[in-house]
Amino acid sequence: MLPVGQFSLPGGTEMLIILVVALLLFGNRLPQVARSLGKSLNEFRRGMQGLEQELKSAINETPPPTTPKKPAENEDDRQAPVAPKFIPPSEPPQETVESHS
C-alpha cells in the first residue's frame, strides 16, 4: 500500500482521459498550441547548438603568441621606476568662512 503523499505516474486510461479533456478544452486552438510548442523547441535546440559551437571554438582557440621582452643591453640603460614624492605643505590650511547672502 502506498503512503498518502506518494502518487504513481498516470497509466494508459488516465492518459486517455487527460487527452480527451485537453481536446475538449483547447478544441480548435490545439494545432496552434502544438505548432508554437514545436517552434519553441526548435529555437531552444538551435540556441543550445550555438552555445555548444561557441564553447568548442573557445576551447579549441589558441591564444595569440606572446612576444618575449628584450633584455636591457646595459644595466645603465634601465631607468629606475620613479614614484611621486610627497611634499607636505609649508603652512597649515587656513579656514575660510563663507557668508550666505
N, C-alpha and C. Protein backbone atom coordinates (compact mmCIF):
# COMPACT_ATOMS: atom_id res chain seq x y z
N MET A 1 0.84 -1.18 0.00
CA MET A 1 0.00 0.00 0.00
C MET A 1 0.89 1.25 0.00
N LEU A 2 0.56 2.25 -0.83
CA LEU A 2 1.33 3.49 -0.94
C LEU A 2 0.92 4.47 0.15
N PRO A 3 1.89 5.17 0.70
CA PRO A 3 1.53 6.22 1.65
C PRO A 3 0.72 7.31 0.95
N VAL A 4 0.05 8.14 1.72
CA VAL A 4 -0.85 9.15 1.18
C VAL A 4 -0.11 10.17 0.31
N GLY A 5 1.12 10.54 0.63
CA GLY A 5 1.85 11.59 -0.07
C GLY A 5 2.50 11.15 -1.37
N GLN A 6 2.46 9.86 -1.73
CA GLN A 6 3.12 9.39 -2.95
C GLN A 6 2.08 9.01 -3.99
N PHE A 7 2.37 9.43 -5.23
CA PHE A 7 1.47 9.09 -6.33
C PHE A 7 2.30 8.43 -7.43
N SER A 8 1.69 7.59 -8.20
CA SER A 8 2.38 6.97 -9.32
C SER A 8 2.06 7.76 -10.59
N LEU A 9 2.81 7.47 -11.66
CA LEU A 9 2.56 8.13 -12.93
C LEU A 9 1.22 7.65 -13.49
N PRO A 10 0.56 8.51 -14.28
CA PRO A 10 -0.73 8.10 -14.85
C PRO A 10 -0.55 6.94 -15.83
N GLY A 11 -1.46 6.01 -15.79
CA GLY A 11 -1.43 4.86 -16.70
C GLY A 11 -2.11 5.20 -18.01
N GLY A 12 -2.38 4.17 -18.80
CA GLY A 12 -2.98 4.36 -20.13
C GLY A 12 -4.36 4.98 -20.07
N THR A 13 -5.20 4.52 -19.17
CA THR A 13 -6.56 5.04 -19.06
C THR A 13 -6.55 6.50 -18.61
N GLU A 14 -5.73 6.81 -17.64
CA GLU A 14 -5.66 8.19 -17.16
C GLU A 14 -5.13 9.12 -18.25
N MET A 15 -4.14 8.67 -19.01
CA MET A 15 -3.60 9.50 -20.09
C MET A 15 -4.67 9.76 -21.15
N LEU A 16 -5.46 8.75 -21.47
CA LEU A 16 -6.53 8.91 -22.45
C LEU A 16 -7.55 9.94 -21.96
N ILE A 17 -7.89 9.88 -20.69
CA ILE A 17 -8.85 10.84 -20.13
C ILE A 17 -8.26 12.25 -20.18
N ILE A 18 -6.98 12.40 -19.85
CA ILE A 18 -6.32 13.71 -19.90
C ILE A 18 -6.33 14.25 -21.32
N LEU A 19 -6.05 13.41 -22.31
CA LEU A 19 -6.05 13.85 -23.71
C LEU A 19 -7.44 14.29 -24.16
N VAL A 20 -8.48 13.57 -23.76
CA VAL A 20 -9.85 13.94 -24.14
C VAL A 20 -10.22 15.27 -23.51
N VAL A 21 -9.85 15.47 -22.25
CA VAL A 21 -10.16 16.75 -21.58
C VAL A 21 -9.39 17.89 -22.26
N ALA A 22 -8.12 17.66 -22.62
CA ALA A 22 -7.34 18.69 -23.31
C ALA A 22 -7.96 19.02 -24.66
N LEU A 23 -8.44 18.01 -25.38
CA LEU A 23 -9.08 18.24 -26.67
C LEU A 23 -10.36 19.04 -26.51
N LEU A 24 -11.14 18.75 -25.47
CA LEU A 24 -12.37 19.50 -25.23
C LEU A 24 -12.07 20.95 -24.82
N LEU A 25 -11.04 21.15 -24.02
CA LEU A 25 -10.73 22.50 -23.55
C LEU A 25 -10.14 23.37 -24.67
N PHE A 26 -9.18 22.82 -25.41
CA PHE A 26 -8.48 23.63 -26.39
C PHE A 26 -9.15 23.58 -27.76
N GLY A 27 -9.79 22.49 -28.11
CA GLY A 27 -10.55 22.39 -29.36
C GLY A 27 -9.77 22.84 -30.57
N ASN A 28 -10.25 23.94 -31.18
CA ASN A 28 -9.66 24.43 -32.43
C ASN A 28 -8.26 25.01 -32.24
N ARG A 29 -7.93 25.42 -31.04
CA ARG A 29 -6.62 26.03 -30.80
C ARG A 29 -5.52 25.00 -30.61
N LEU A 30 -5.86 23.73 -30.51
CA LEU A 30 -4.85 22.70 -30.26
C LEU A 30 -3.75 22.67 -31.33
N PRO A 31 -4.07 22.77 -32.64
CA PRO A 31 -2.99 22.80 -33.63
C PRO A 31 -2.07 24.02 -33.47
N GLN A 32 -2.64 25.16 -33.11
CA GLN A 32 -1.82 26.36 -32.91
C GLN A 32 -0.90 26.19 -31.70
N VAL A 33 -1.43 25.60 -30.65
CA VAL A 33 -0.62 25.37 -29.45
C VAL A 33 0.51 24.41 -29.76
N ALA A 34 0.22 23.33 -30.49
CA ALA A 34 1.24 22.35 -30.84
C ALA A 34 2.30 22.99 -31.76
N ARG A 35 1.86 23.83 -32.69
CA ARG A 35 2.79 24.47 -33.62
C ARG A 35 3.72 25.43 -32.86
N SER A 36 3.18 26.23 -31.96
CA SER A 36 4.03 27.15 -31.22
C SER A 36 4.96 26.40 -30.27
N LEU A 37 4.50 25.28 -29.72
CA LEU A 37 5.36 24.45 -28.88
C LEU A 37 6.51 23.88 -29.71
N GLY A 38 6.23 23.42 -30.91
CA GLY A 38 7.28 22.90 -31.79
C GLY A 38 8.29 23.97 -32.17
N LYS A 39 7.80 25.19 -32.47
CA LYS A 39 8.71 26.29 -32.81
C LYS A 39 9.60 26.63 -31.61
N SER A 40 9.02 26.61 -30.44
CA SER A 40 9.80 26.91 -29.23
C SER A 40 10.89 25.88 -29.01
N LEU A 41 10.55 24.60 -29.20
CA LEU A 41 11.55 23.54 -29.04
C LEU A 41 12.67 23.67 -30.07
N ASN A 42 12.30 23.99 -31.33
CA ASN A 42 13.32 24.17 -32.37
C ASN A 42 14.25 25.33 -32.03
N GLU A 43 13.69 26.44 -31.57
CA GLU A 43 14.50 27.60 -31.21
C GLU A 43 15.43 27.26 -30.04
N PHE A 44 14.92 26.50 -29.08
CA PHE A 44 15.75 26.09 -27.94
C PHE A 44 16.91 25.22 -28.41
N ARG A 45 16.63 24.28 -29.31
CA ARG A 45 17.69 23.40 -29.82
C ARG A 45 18.74 24.20 -30.59
N ARG A 46 18.30 25.16 -31.41
CA ARG A 46 19.26 25.99 -32.15
C ARG A 46 20.13 26.78 -31.19
N GLY A 47 19.52 27.31 -30.16
CA GLY A 47 20.29 28.05 -29.17
C GLY A 47 21.31 27.18 -28.47
N MET A 48 20.93 25.96 -28.13
CA MET A 48 21.86 25.04 -27.48
C MET A 48 23.00 24.66 -28.42
N GLN A 49 22.70 24.44 -29.70
CA GLN A 49 23.75 24.11 -30.67
C GLN A 49 24.71 25.28 -30.83
N GLY A 50 24.17 26.49 -30.89
CA GLY A 50 25.03 27.67 -31.00
C GLY A 50 25.93 27.82 -29.79
N LEU A 51 25.38 27.54 -28.62
CA LEU A 51 26.16 27.62 -27.40
C LEU A 51 27.27 26.56 -27.39
N GLU A 52 26.93 25.34 -27.85
CA GLU A 52 27.94 24.28 -27.91
C GLU A 52 29.06 24.65 -28.87
N GLN A 53 28.69 25.20 -30.05
CA GLN A 53 29.71 25.59 -31.02
C GLN A 53 30.59 26.70 -30.48
N GLU A 54 30.00 27.65 -29.77
CA GLU A 54 30.77 28.74 -29.20
C GLU A 54 31.74 28.24 -28.14
N LEU A 55 31.28 27.30 -27.31
CA LEU A 55 32.16 26.73 -26.29
C LEU A 55 33.30 25.94 -26.92
N LYS A 56 32.97 25.13 -27.93
CA LYS A 56 34.02 24.34 -28.59
C LYS A 56 35.04 25.23 -29.25
N SER A 57 34.60 26.31 -29.91
CA SER A 57 35.56 27.20 -30.56
C SER A 57 36.41 27.93 -29.53
N ALA A 58 35.81 28.26 -28.37
CA ALA A 58 36.60 28.93 -27.33
C ALA A 58 37.63 27.98 -26.74
N ILE A 59 37.27 26.70 -26.61
CA ILE A 59 38.21 25.72 -26.07
C ILE A 59 39.33 25.45 -27.06
N ASN A 60 39.00 25.34 -28.35
CA ASN A 60 39.99 25.00 -29.36
C ASN A 60 40.81 26.20 -29.81
N GLU A 61 40.39 27.40 -29.44
CA GLU A 61 41.09 28.60 -29.87
C GLU A 61 42.45 28.67 -29.19
N THR A 62 43.49 28.89 -29.99
CA THR A 62 44.82 29.01 -29.42
C THR A 62 45.07 30.47 -29.06
N PRO A 63 45.67 30.71 -27.92
CA PRO A 63 45.93 32.09 -27.54
C PRO A 63 46.98 32.71 -28.46
N PRO A 64 46.93 34.02 -28.68
CA PRO A 64 47.93 34.64 -29.57
C PRO A 64 49.32 34.50 -28.97
N PRO A 65 50.33 34.35 -29.83
CA PRO A 65 51.69 34.18 -29.31
C PRO A 65 52.14 35.46 -28.62
N THR A 66 52.83 35.27 -27.52
CA THR A 66 53.35 36.42 -26.80
C THR A 66 54.77 36.68 -27.24
N THR A 67 55.11 37.94 -27.40
CA THR A 67 56.47 38.28 -27.81
C THR A 67 57.32 38.46 -26.56
N PRO A 68 58.45 37.79 -26.51
CA PRO A 68 59.30 37.94 -25.32
C PRO A 68 59.89 39.34 -25.28
N LYS A 69 60.03 39.86 -24.08
CA LYS A 69 60.62 41.19 -23.91
C LYS A 69 62.12 41.10 -24.12
N LYS A 70 62.64 42.14 -24.74
CA LYS A 70 64.09 42.20 -24.94
C LYS A 70 64.75 42.59 -23.63
N PRO A 71 65.79 41.88 -23.26
CA PRO A 71 66.50 42.30 -22.05
C PRO A 71 67.29 43.58 -22.34
N ALA A 72 67.45 44.38 -21.33
CA ALA A 72 68.21 45.62 -21.49
C ALA A 72 69.66 45.28 -21.82
N GLU A 73 70.23 46.03 -22.76
CA GLU A 73 71.60 45.73 -23.17
C GLU A 73 72.59 46.06 -22.06
N ASN A 74 72.41 47.17 -21.43
CA ASN A 74 73.31 47.58 -20.34
C ASN A 74 72.47 47.86 -19.11
N GLU A 75 73.08 47.68 -17.97
CA GLU A 75 72.39 48.00 -16.73
C GLU A 75 72.10 49.49 -16.66
N ASP A 76 72.96 50.31 -17.28
CA ASP A 76 72.80 51.75 -17.22
C ASP A 76 71.62 52.22 -18.08
N ASP A 77 71.23 51.42 -19.06
CA ASP A 77 70.13 51.81 -19.94
C ASP A 77 68.78 51.74 -19.23
N ARG A 78 68.70 50.94 -18.19
CA ARG A 78 67.44 50.80 -17.48
C ARG A 78 67.17 52.02 -16.62
N GLN A 79 65.91 52.41 -16.61
CA GLN A 79 65.53 53.53 -15.76
C GLN A 79 64.80 52.98 -14.55
N ALA A 80 65.16 53.48 -13.40
CA ALA A 80 64.50 53.04 -12.18
C ALA A 80 63.11 53.67 -12.12
N PRO A 81 62.13 52.92 -11.67
CA PRO A 81 60.79 53.49 -11.57
C PRO A 81 60.79 54.63 -10.55
N VAL A 82 60.11 55.68 -10.91
CA VAL A 82 60.07 56.86 -10.06
C VAL A 82 58.65 57.05 -9.56
N ALA A 83 58.49 57.14 -8.25
CA ALA A 83 57.18 57.39 -7.66
C ALA A 83 57.10 58.87 -7.32
N PRO A 84 55.89 59.44 -7.37
CA PRO A 84 55.78 60.85 -6.99
C PRO A 84 56.16 61.04 -5.53
N LYS A 85 56.83 62.13 -5.26
CA LYS A 85 57.31 62.41 -3.92
C LYS A 85 56.27 63.27 -3.20
N PHE A 86 55.98 62.93 -1.95
CA PHE A 86 55.03 63.69 -1.15
C PHE A 86 55.75 64.83 -0.47
N ILE A 87 55.28 66.04 -0.72
CA ILE A 87 55.86 67.22 -0.08
C ILE A 87 54.75 67.83 0.78
N PRO A 88 54.94 67.83 2.10
CA PRO A 88 53.89 68.41 2.95
C PRO A 88 53.81 69.91 2.76
N PRO A 89 52.62 70.50 2.97
CA PRO A 89 52.51 71.96 2.82
C PRO A 89 53.32 72.68 3.89
N SER A 90 53.84 73.85 3.53
CA SER A 90 54.68 74.59 4.47
C SER A 90 53.84 75.31 5.52
N GLU A 91 52.61 75.67 5.20
CA GLU A 91 51.73 76.36 6.14
C GLU A 91 50.49 75.51 6.37
N PRO A 92 49.91 75.57 7.56
CA PRO A 92 48.67 74.83 7.78
C PRO A 92 47.53 75.47 6.98
N PRO A 93 46.54 74.70 6.62
CA PRO A 93 45.43 75.26 5.83
C PRO A 93 44.68 76.32 6.62
N GLN A 94 44.26 77.36 5.92
CA GLN A 94 43.52 78.43 6.58
C GLN A 94 42.04 78.18 6.43
N GLU A 95 41.33 78.46 7.49
CA GLU A 95 39.88 78.27 7.45
C GLU A 95 39.23 79.46 6.78
N THR A 96 38.27 79.18 5.94
CA THR A 96 37.53 80.24 5.27
C THR A 96 36.10 80.17 5.73
N VAL A 97 35.49 81.32 5.94
CA VAL A 97 34.11 81.38 6.35
C VAL A 97 33.30 81.90 5.17
N GLU A 98 32.35 81.13 4.77
CA GLU A 98 31.51 81.55 3.65
C GLU A 98 30.27 82.22 4.20
N SER A 99 29.93 83.34 3.62
CA SER A 99 28.71 84.02 4.04
C SER A 99 27.63 83.78 3.02
N HIS A 100 26.46 83.48 3.49
CA HIS A 100 25.32 83.23 2.60
C HIS A 100 24.46 84.48 2.58
N SER A 101 24.39 85.13 1.43
CA SER A 101 23.58 86.35 1.33
C SER A 101 22.33 86.12 0.55
